[in-house]
Amino acid sequence: MKTKILTFSLLILLTSGCEDIESSPPPPQMSEVERLRSTFPVYPSFVQLPDNFRVAAPHVASLGLSFKSDAPFDDVRRFYVEKLTSDGWQLVEDRKLSDWGRDMGGHLLEFRRDGYRIAIEKGGRNNDDWDYGINFSWEKSQGAPPNNGMQRTRN
């Protein structure tokens, strides 16, 4: 009986205390990250998956998309290097990804411009859920202008 009363009392305290907690608004840079995602050239054979993510915090704004495609990575790389560099993006990273030191076929391309980042990842052989992932982000540490708000939602 004492356990039920104690549990009920803790529940009331917790729920009444949670009423004062409000989520922070997304940083102003989130609108630019959303614009980048909406205007991004999608590789022709990419089929978008419904499992996307969004992170909005005081120093981070990030959106991610997942795709299925049997497109060869070299073709995808060539497409994005041409499209993004012609739009002012700089390729800052191009490397193979490994799983505990083993090459499983994964690859990462990272582009930057004006404090924003676009990362394109080719999933490795042990990845069954998606083939390519694309992340659009801004982080205060990347040198973007100040003015920024933690929310994370997964669609």
N, C-alpha and C. Protein backbone atom coordinates (compact mmCIF):
# COMPACT_ATOMS: atom_id res chain seq x y z
N MET A 1 0.83 -1.19 0.00
CA MET A 1 0.00 0.00 0.00
C MET A 1 0.87 1.25 0.00
N LYS A 2 1.96 1.25 0.86
CA LYS A 2 2.85 2.41 0.91
C LYS A 2 3.52 2.64 -0.44
N THR A 3 3.84 1.56 -1.14
CA THR A 3 4.48 1.67 -2.45
C THR A 3 3.54 2.35 -3.45
N LYS A 4 2.25 1.98 -3.41
CA LYS A 4 1.29 2.60 -4.32
C LYS A 4 1.15 4.08 -4.04
N ILE A 5 1.09 4.47 -2.77
CA ILE A 5 0.96 5.88 -2.40
C ILE A 5 2.21 6.64 -2.82
N LEU A 6 3.37 6.09 -2.56
CA LEU A 6 4.63 6.74 -2.93
C LEU A 6 4.73 6.89 -4.44
N THR A 7 4.38 5.84 -5.18
CA THR A 7 4.43 5.89 -6.64
C THR A 7 3.46 6.94 -7.17
N PHE A 8 2.25 6.97 -6.62
CA PHE A 8 1.26 7.95 -7.04
C PHE A 8 1.74 9.38 -6.73
N SER A 9 2.32 9.57 -5.57
CA SER A 9 2.82 10.90 -5.18
C SER A 9 3.95 11.34 -6.11
N LEU A 10 4.87 10.44 -6.42
CA LEU A 10 5.97 10.77 -7.34
C LEU A 10 5.44 11.11 -8.73
N LEU A 11 4.44 10.36 -9.17
CA LEU A 11 3.84 10.62 -10.47
C LEU A 11 3.23 12.02 -10.52
N ILE A 12 2.52 12.41 -9.47
CA ILE A 12 1.91 13.75 -9.42
C ILE A 12 3.00 14.82 -9.41
N LEU A 13 4.05 14.63 -8.63
CA LEU A 13 5.15 15.60 -8.60
C LEU A 13 5.83 15.73 -9.95
N LEU A 14 6.07 14.61 -10.58
CA LEU A 14 6.73 14.64 -11.89
C LEU A 14 5.88 15.32 -12.94
N THR A 15 4.60 14.97 -12.99
CA THR A 15 3.75 15.56 -14.03
C THR A 15 3.49 17.04 -13.77
N SER A 16 3.40 17.44 -12.54
CA SER A 16 3.18 18.88 -12.27
C SER A 16 4.45 19.66 -12.57
N GLY A 17 5.60 19.07 -12.33
CA GLY A 17 6.86 19.75 -12.64
C GLY A 17 7.11 19.85 -14.13
N CYS A 18 6.58 18.92 -14.91
CA CYS A 18 6.80 18.92 -16.34
C CYS A 18 6.00 19.99 -17.06
N GLU A 19 4.97 20.52 -16.40
CA GLU A 19 4.16 21.55 -17.04
C GLU A 19 4.98 22.80 -17.34
N ASP A 20 6.02 23.06 -16.55
CA ASP A 20 6.82 24.26 -16.73
C ASP A 20 7.93 24.08 -17.75
N ILE A 21 8.15 22.88 -18.23
CA ILE A 21 9.21 22.63 -19.20
C ILE A 21 8.69 22.92 -20.60
N GLU A 22 9.36 23.80 -21.30
CA GLU A 22 8.98 24.11 -22.67
C GLU A 22 10.14 23.79 -23.59
N SER A 23 9.85 23.35 -24.78
CA SER A 23 10.93 23.08 -25.72
C SER A 23 11.41 24.40 -26.31
N SER A 24 12.69 24.44 -26.61
CA SER A 24 13.28 25.63 -27.19
C SER A 24 12.87 25.74 -28.66
N PRO A 25 12.73 26.95 -29.14
CA PRO A 25 12.42 27.08 -30.57
C PRO A 25 13.63 26.66 -31.40
N PRO A 26 13.41 26.22 -32.62
CA PRO A 26 14.55 25.84 -33.45
C PRO A 26 15.40 27.06 -33.76
N PRO A 27 16.68 26.86 -34.00
CA PRO A 27 17.54 28.00 -34.33
C PRO A 27 17.13 28.59 -35.68
N PRO A 28 17.40 29.87 -35.90
CA PRO A 28 17.05 30.49 -37.18
C PRO A 28 17.68 29.77 -38.38
N GLN A 29 18.81 29.12 -38.18
CA GLN A 29 19.49 28.42 -39.27
C GLN A 29 18.69 27.21 -39.75
N MET A 30 17.72 26.74 -38.96
CA MET A 30 16.93 25.58 -39.37
C MET A 30 16.18 25.88 -40.68
N SER A 31 15.74 27.10 -40.87
CA SER A 31 15.03 27.41 -42.12
C SER A 31 15.95 27.28 -43.33
N GLU A 32 17.23 27.64 -43.18
CA GLU A 32 18.18 27.47 -44.28
C GLU A 32 18.47 26.00 -44.52
N VAL A 33 18.59 25.21 -43.45
CA VAL A 33 18.81 23.77 -43.59
C VAL A 33 17.61 23.14 -44.31
N GLU A 34 16.40 23.57 -43.97
CA GLU A 34 15.20 23.07 -44.64
C GLU A 34 15.19 23.48 -46.12
N ARG A 35 15.63 24.70 -46.40
CA ARG A 35 15.69 25.17 -47.79
C ARG A 35 16.70 24.33 -48.58
N LEU A 36 17.87 24.06 -47.96
CA LEU A 36 18.87 23.23 -48.63
C LEU A 36 18.29 21.87 -48.99
N ARG A 37 17.57 21.28 -48.05
CA ARG A 37 16.97 19.96 -48.29
C ARG A 37 15.93 20.03 -49.42
N SER A 38 15.11 21.06 -49.42
CA SER A 38 14.04 21.14 -50.41
C SER A 38 14.54 21.46 -51.82
N THR A 39 15.71 22.08 -51.94
CA THR A 39 16.24 22.43 -53.26
C THR A 39 17.37 21.49 -53.70
N PHE A 40 17.65 20.49 -52.91
CA PHE A 40 18.76 19.58 -53.17
C PHE A 40 18.48 18.71 -54.38
N PRO A 41 19.44 18.58 -55.31
CA PRO A 41 19.22 17.71 -56.47
C PRO A 41 19.30 16.24 -56.05
N VAL A 42 18.23 15.52 -56.24
CA VAL A 42 18.19 14.11 -55.87
C VAL A 42 18.66 13.28 -57.06
N TYR A 43 19.59 12.38 -56.78
CA TYR A 43 20.11 11.50 -57.82
C TYR A 43 18.94 10.75 -58.47
N PRO A 44 18.94 10.62 -59.81
CA PRO A 44 17.79 10.06 -60.52
C PRO A 44 17.23 8.73 -60.02
N SER A 45 18.04 7.78 -59.60
CA SER A 45 17.49 6.48 -59.19
C SER A 45 17.24 6.38 -57.68
N PHE A 46 17.42 7.47 -56.94
CA PHE A 46 17.18 7.44 -55.49
C PHE A 46 15.68 7.38 -55.21
N VAL A 47 15.29 6.48 -54.32
CA VAL A 47 13.91 6.38 -53.85
C VAL A 47 13.95 6.70 -52.35
N GLN A 48 13.30 7.82 -51.99
CA GLN A 48 13.35 8.27 -50.60
C GLN A 48 12.56 7.35 -49.69
N LEU A 49 13.13 7.06 -48.53
CA LEU A 49 12.48 6.24 -47.51
C LEU A 49 11.78 7.15 -46.51
N PRO A 50 10.76 6.65 -45.83
CA PRO A 50 10.03 7.50 -44.87
C PRO A 50 10.79 7.76 -43.57
N ASP A 51 11.89 7.06 -43.32
CA ASP A 51 12.62 7.20 -42.06
C ASP A 51 13.61 8.37 -42.15
N ASN A 52 13.14 9.58 -41.85
CA ASN A 52 13.97 10.77 -41.88
C ASN A 52 14.16 11.27 -40.46
N PHE A 53 15.13 12.15 -40.24
CA PHE A 53 15.28 12.71 -38.89
C PHE A 53 15.51 14.20 -38.97
N ARG A 54 15.24 14.84 -37.84
CA ARG A 54 15.40 16.29 -37.69
C ARG A 54 15.89 16.56 -36.28
N VAL A 55 16.92 17.38 -36.16
CA VAL A 55 17.44 17.79 -34.86
C VAL A 55 17.52 19.31 -34.84
N ALA A 56 16.94 19.91 -33.82
CA ALA A 56 17.03 21.36 -33.65
C ALA A 56 17.41 21.64 -32.21
N ALA A 57 18.58 22.22 -32.01
CA ALA A 57 19.09 22.52 -30.68
C ALA A 57 19.75 23.89 -30.73
N PRO A 58 20.14 24.45 -29.60
CA PRO A 58 20.72 25.79 -29.62
C PRO A 58 21.92 25.95 -30.56
N HIS A 59 22.70 24.92 -30.75
CA HIS A 59 23.90 25.04 -31.57
C HIS A 59 23.91 24.09 -32.76
N VAL A 60 22.77 23.45 -33.05
CA VAL A 60 22.71 22.47 -34.14
C VAL A 60 21.35 22.54 -34.84
N ALA A 61 21.40 22.48 -36.16
CA ALA A 61 20.19 22.32 -36.97
C ALA A 61 20.54 21.25 -38.00
N SER A 62 19.77 20.16 -38.04
CA SER A 62 20.14 19.05 -38.91
C SER A 62 18.90 18.32 -39.42
N LEU A 63 18.94 17.96 -40.68
CA LEU A 63 17.89 17.16 -41.30
C LEU A 63 18.55 16.02 -42.07
N GLY A 64 18.00 14.84 -41.98
CA GLY A 64 18.58 13.71 -42.69
C GLY A 64 17.54 12.96 -43.50
N LEU A 65 17.97 12.48 -44.64
CA LEU A 65 17.11 11.70 -45.53
C LEU A 65 17.80 10.37 -45.83
N SER A 66 17.01 9.34 -46.05
CA SER A 66 17.53 8.02 -46.41
C SER A 66 16.93 7.60 -47.74
N PHE A 67 17.74 6.89 -48.53
CA PHE A 67 17.31 6.48 -49.86
C PHE A 67 17.71 5.03 -50.13
N LYS A 68 16.91 4.38 -50.98
CA LYS A 68 17.27 3.09 -51.55
C LYS A 68 17.68 3.35 -52.99
N SER A 69 18.75 2.68 -53.44
CA SER A 69 19.21 2.80 -54.82
C SER A 69 20.32 1.81 -55.06
N ASP A 70 20.34 1.23 -56.25
CA ASP A 70 21.44 0.35 -56.61
C ASP A 70 22.48 1.09 -57.45
N ALA A 71 22.43 2.41 -57.45
CA ALA A 71 23.37 3.23 -58.23
C ALA A 71 24.79 3.02 -57.74
N PRO A 72 25.75 2.86 -58.66
CA PRO A 72 27.16 2.73 -58.26
C PRO A 72 27.64 4.04 -57.60
N PHE A 73 28.42 3.89 -56.54
CA PHE A 73 28.87 5.06 -55.80
C PHE A 73 29.64 6.04 -56.69
N ASP A 74 30.47 5.54 -57.59
CA ASP A 74 31.24 6.44 -58.45
C ASP A 74 30.34 7.34 -59.28
N ASP A 75 29.21 6.82 -59.75
CA ASP A 75 28.26 7.64 -60.51
C ASP A 75 27.61 8.69 -59.59
N VAL A 76 27.23 8.27 -58.40
CA VAL A 76 26.61 9.20 -57.44
C VAL A 76 27.62 10.28 -57.05
N ARG A 77 28.85 9.87 -56.79
CA ARG A 77 29.91 10.83 -56.44
C ARG A 77 30.10 11.86 -57.55
N ARG A 78 30.23 11.40 -58.77
CA ARG A 78 30.42 12.30 -59.91
C ARG A 78 29.26 13.30 -60.03
N PHE A 79 28.03 12.80 -59.89
CA PHE A 79 26.83 13.64 -59.97
C PHE A 79 26.87 14.76 -58.93
N TYR A 80 27.15 14.39 -57.66
CA TYR A 80 27.11 15.39 -56.60
C TYR A 80 28.32 16.32 -56.61
N VAL A 81 29.48 15.84 -56.97
CA VAL A 81 30.63 16.73 -57.07
C VAL A 81 30.35 17.80 -58.13
N GLU A 82 29.82 17.39 -59.27
CA GLU A 82 29.51 18.35 -60.33
C GLU A 82 28.43 19.34 -59.90
N LYS A 83 27.32 18.83 -59.37
CA LYS A 83 26.18 19.69 -59.00
C LYS A 83 26.53 20.64 -57.85
N LEU A 84 27.16 20.11 -56.81
CA LEU A 84 27.39 20.93 -55.62
C LEU A 84 28.55 21.91 -55.79
N THR A 85 29.65 21.47 -56.40
CA THR A 85 30.78 22.41 -56.56
C THR A 85 30.42 23.54 -57.51
N SER A 86 29.57 23.27 -58.51
CA SER A 86 29.15 24.35 -59.41
C SER A 86 28.24 25.35 -58.70
N ASP A 87 27.68 24.95 -57.54
CA ASP A 87 26.82 25.82 -56.75
C ASP A 87 27.58 26.44 -55.56
N GLY A 88 28.91 26.36 -55.58
CA GLY A 88 29.71 27.00 -54.54
C GLY A 88 30.06 26.14 -53.35
N TRP A 89 29.67 24.88 -53.34
CA TRP A 89 30.02 23.98 -52.23
C TRP A 89 31.43 23.46 -52.44
N GLN A 90 32.15 23.29 -51.34
CA GLN A 90 33.52 22.78 -51.41
C GLN A 90 33.55 21.36 -50.85
N LEU A 91 34.12 20.44 -51.62
CA LEU A 91 34.29 19.07 -51.15
C LEU A 91 35.42 19.07 -50.14
N VAL A 92 35.11 18.73 -48.88
CA VAL A 92 36.13 18.77 -47.82
C VAL A 92 36.51 17.38 -47.33
N GLU A 93 35.70 16.38 -47.68
CA GLU A 93 36.05 15.02 -47.26
C GLU A 93 35.50 14.02 -48.27
N ASP A 94 36.32 13.04 -48.59
CA ASP A 94 35.96 11.98 -49.53
C ASP A 94 36.73 10.76 -49.05
N ARG A 95 36.04 9.88 -48.29
CA ARG A 95 36.77 8.74 -47.72
C ARG A 95 35.89 7.51 -47.61
N LYS A 96 36.58 6.37 -47.61
CA LYS A 96 35.91 5.10 -47.38
C LYS A 96 35.57 5.00 -45.90
N LEU A 97 34.47 4.35 -45.61
CA LEU A 97 34.08 4.08 -44.23
C LEU A 97 34.35 2.61 -43.94
N SER A 98 34.77 2.34 -42.73
CA SER A 98 35.03 0.95 -42.37
C SER A 98 34.24 0.59 -41.13
N ASP A 99 34.03 -0.69 -40.93
CA ASP A 99 33.32 -1.23 -39.78
C ASP A 99 34.32 -2.05 -38.98
N TRP A 100 34.78 -1.48 -37.89
CA TRP A 100 35.79 -2.13 -37.06
C TRP A 100 37.03 -2.49 -37.88
N GLY A 101 37.42 -1.57 -38.76
CA GLY A 101 38.62 -1.76 -39.56
C GLY A 101 38.41 -2.55 -40.84
N ARG A 102 37.21 -3.07 -41.05
CA ARG A 102 36.93 -3.85 -42.26
C ARG A 102 36.21 -2.97 -43.28
N ASP A 103 36.66 -3.02 -44.51
CA ASP A 103 36.03 -2.29 -45.59
C ASP A 103 34.74 -3.02 -45.97
N MET A 104 33.60 -2.38 -45.71
CA MET A 104 32.31 -2.99 -46.02
C MET A 104 31.63 -2.28 -47.20
N GLY A 105 32.37 -1.40 -47.88
CA GLY A 105 31.82 -0.72 -49.05
C GLY A 105 31.20 0.63 -48.77
N GLY A 106 31.25 1.11 -47.55
CA GLY A 106 30.69 2.42 -47.23
C GLY A 106 31.61 3.55 -47.67
N HIS A 107 31.02 4.71 -47.90
CA HIS A 107 31.80 5.86 -48.35
C HIS A 107 31.12 7.14 -47.87
N LEU A 108 31.92 8.18 -47.62
CA LEU A 108 31.40 9.47 -47.16
C LEU A 108 31.94 10.59 -48.01
N LEU A 109 31.04 11.45 -48.46
CA LEU A 109 31.39 12.71 -49.12
C LEU A 109 30.86 13.82 -48.24
N GLU A 110 31.69 14.82 -47.96
CA GLU A 110 31.23 15.95 -47.16
C GLU A 110 31.55 17.25 -47.88
N PHE A 111 30.53 18.08 -48.01
CA PHE A 111 30.64 19.38 -48.66
C PHE A 111 30.31 20.46 -47.63
N ARG A 112 30.98 21.63 -47.76
CA ARG A 112 30.69 22.76 -46.86
C ARG A 112 30.60 24.05 -47.65
N ARG A 113 29.74 24.93 -47.10
CA ARG A 113 29.60 26.26 -47.66
C ARG A 113 28.95 27.15 -46.61
N ASP A 114 29.58 28.28 -46.33
CA ASP A 114 29.01 29.30 -45.43
C ASP A 114 28.53 28.74 -44.09
N GLY A 115 29.29 27.83 -43.50
CA GLY A 115 28.93 27.29 -42.20
C GLY A 115 27.92 26.16 -42.25
N TYR A 116 27.48 25.75 -43.42
CA TYR A 116 26.54 24.65 -43.57
C TYR A 116 27.27 23.44 -44.15
N ARG A 117 26.69 22.27 -43.93
CA ARG A 117 27.33 21.01 -44.32
C ARG A 117 26.31 20.10 -45.00
N ILE A 118 26.75 19.44 -46.06
CA ILE A 118 25.96 18.38 -46.68
C ILE A 118 26.86 17.14 -46.69
N ALA A 119 26.40 16.08 -46.05
CA ALA A 119 27.15 14.83 -46.00
C ALA A 119 26.34 13.77 -46.74
N ILE A 120 27.00 13.08 -47.66
CA ILE A 120 26.37 12.03 -48.44
C ILE A 120 27.10 10.73 -48.09
N GLU A 121 26.35 9.78 -47.56
CA GLU A 121 26.96 8.52 -47.13
C GLU A 121 26.40 7.36 -47.93
N LYS A 122 27.30 6.55 -48.44
CA LYS A 122 26.93 5.28 -49.07
C LYS A 122 27.02 4.22 -48.00
N GLY A 123 25.92 3.54 -47.74
CA GLY A 123 25.91 2.50 -46.72
C GLY A 123 26.74 1.30 -47.15
N GLY A 124 27.30 0.61 -46.19
CA GLY A 124 28.11 -0.58 -46.47
C GLY A 124 27.27 -1.82 -46.70
N ARG A 125 27.95 -2.94 -46.94
CA ARG A 125 27.28 -4.21 -47.23
C ARG A 125 26.41 -4.71 -46.08
N ASN A 126 26.73 -4.34 -44.85
CA ASN A 126 25.94 -4.82 -43.72
C ASN A 126 24.76 -3.90 -43.43
N ASN A 127 24.46 -2.99 -44.33
CA ASN A 127 23.37 -2.05 -44.15
C ASN A 127 22.20 -2.45 -45.04
N ASP A 128 21.13 -2.97 -44.44
CA ASP A 128 19.98 -3.44 -45.21
C ASP A 128 18.86 -2.40 -45.32
N ASP A 129 18.80 -1.45 -44.41
CA ASP A 129 17.68 -0.52 -44.35
C ASP A 129 17.73 0.57 -45.42
N TRP A 130 18.91 1.06 -45.74
CA TRP A 130 19.05 2.15 -46.71
C TRP A 130 20.37 1.99 -47.45
N ASP A 131 20.46 2.60 -48.60
CA ASP A 131 21.69 2.53 -49.40
C ASP A 131 22.48 3.83 -49.34
N TYR A 132 21.77 4.95 -49.34
CA TYR A 132 22.41 6.27 -49.28
C TYR A 132 21.70 7.12 -48.24
N GLY A 133 22.47 7.87 -47.48
CA GLY A 133 21.93 8.80 -46.51
C GLY A 133 22.49 10.18 -46.79
N ILE A 134 21.65 11.19 -46.70
CA ILE A 134 22.09 12.56 -46.93
C ILE A 134 21.69 13.39 -45.73
N ASN A 135 22.66 14.11 -45.18
CA ASN A 135 22.44 14.95 -44.01
C ASN A 135 22.76 16.39 -44.35
N PHE A 136 21.85 17.28 -44.00
CA PHE A 136 22.02 18.72 -44.17
C PHE A 136 22.13 19.31 -42.78
N SER A 137 23.19 20.08 -42.49
CA SER A 137 23.33 20.56 -41.12
C SER A 137 24.06 21.88 -41.01
N TRP A 138 23.84 22.49 -39.87
CA TRP A 138 24.55 23.68 -39.43
C TRP A 138 24.92 23.45 -37.97
N GLU A 139 26.15 23.79 -37.61
CA GLU A 139 26.58 23.73 -36.21
C GLU A 139 27.31 25.01 -35.91
N LYS A 140 27.05 25.56 -34.75
CA LYS A 140 27.69 26.81 -34.37
C LYS A 140 29.21 26.69 -34.44
N SER A 141 29.75 25.53 -34.10
CA SER A 141 31.20 25.34 -34.12
C SER A 141 31.78 25.37 -35.52
N GLN A 142 30.93 25.27 -36.54
CA GLN A 142 31.42 25.31 -37.91
C GLN A 142 31.66 26.73 -38.39
N GLY A 143 31.43 27.71 -37.52
CA GLY A 143 31.70 29.08 -37.89
C GLY A 143 30.51 29.81 -38.50
N ALA A 144 29.34 29.24 -38.38
CA ALA A 144 28.17 29.93 -38.90
C ALA A 144 27.80 31.09 -37.98
N PRO A 145 27.04 32.05 -38.46
CA PRO A 145 26.68 33.19 -37.64
C PRO A 145 25.93 32.78 -36.39
N PRO A 146 26.07 33.54 -35.28
CA PRO A 146 25.32 33.21 -34.08
C PRO A 146 23.82 33.41 -34.30
N ASN A 147 23.04 33.25 -33.32
CA ASN A 147 21.58 33.34 -33.34
C ASN A 147 21.01 31.95 -33.46
N ASN A 148 20.89 31.29 -32.44
CA ASN A 148 20.32 29.99 -32.60
C ASN A 148 19.39 29.57 -31.46
N GLY A 149 18.08 27.57 -31.12
CA GLY A 149 17.13 27.07 -30.20
C GLY A 149 17.07 25.66 -29.98
N MET A 150 16.16 21.74 -27.19
CA MET A 150 16.60 20.65 -28.11
C MET A 150 15.32 20.01 -28.51
N GLN A 151 15.14 20.04 -29.83
CA GLN A 151 14.06 19.24 -30.31
C GLN A 151 14.61 18.22 -31.28
N ARG A 152 14.15 17.01 -31.13
CA ARG A 152 14.52 16.00 -32.13
C ARG A 152 13.25 15.26 -32.47
N THR A 153 12.95 15.19 -33.73
CA THR A 153 11.79 14.45 -34.16
C THR A 153 12.20 13.47 -35.24
N ARG A 154 11.53 12.35 -35.27
CA ARG A 154 11.81 11.33 -36.28
C ARG A 154 10.51 11.06 -37.00
N ASN A 155 10.53 11.18 -38.30
CA ASN A 155 9.31 10.93 -39.09
C ASN A 155 9.27 9.52 -39.58
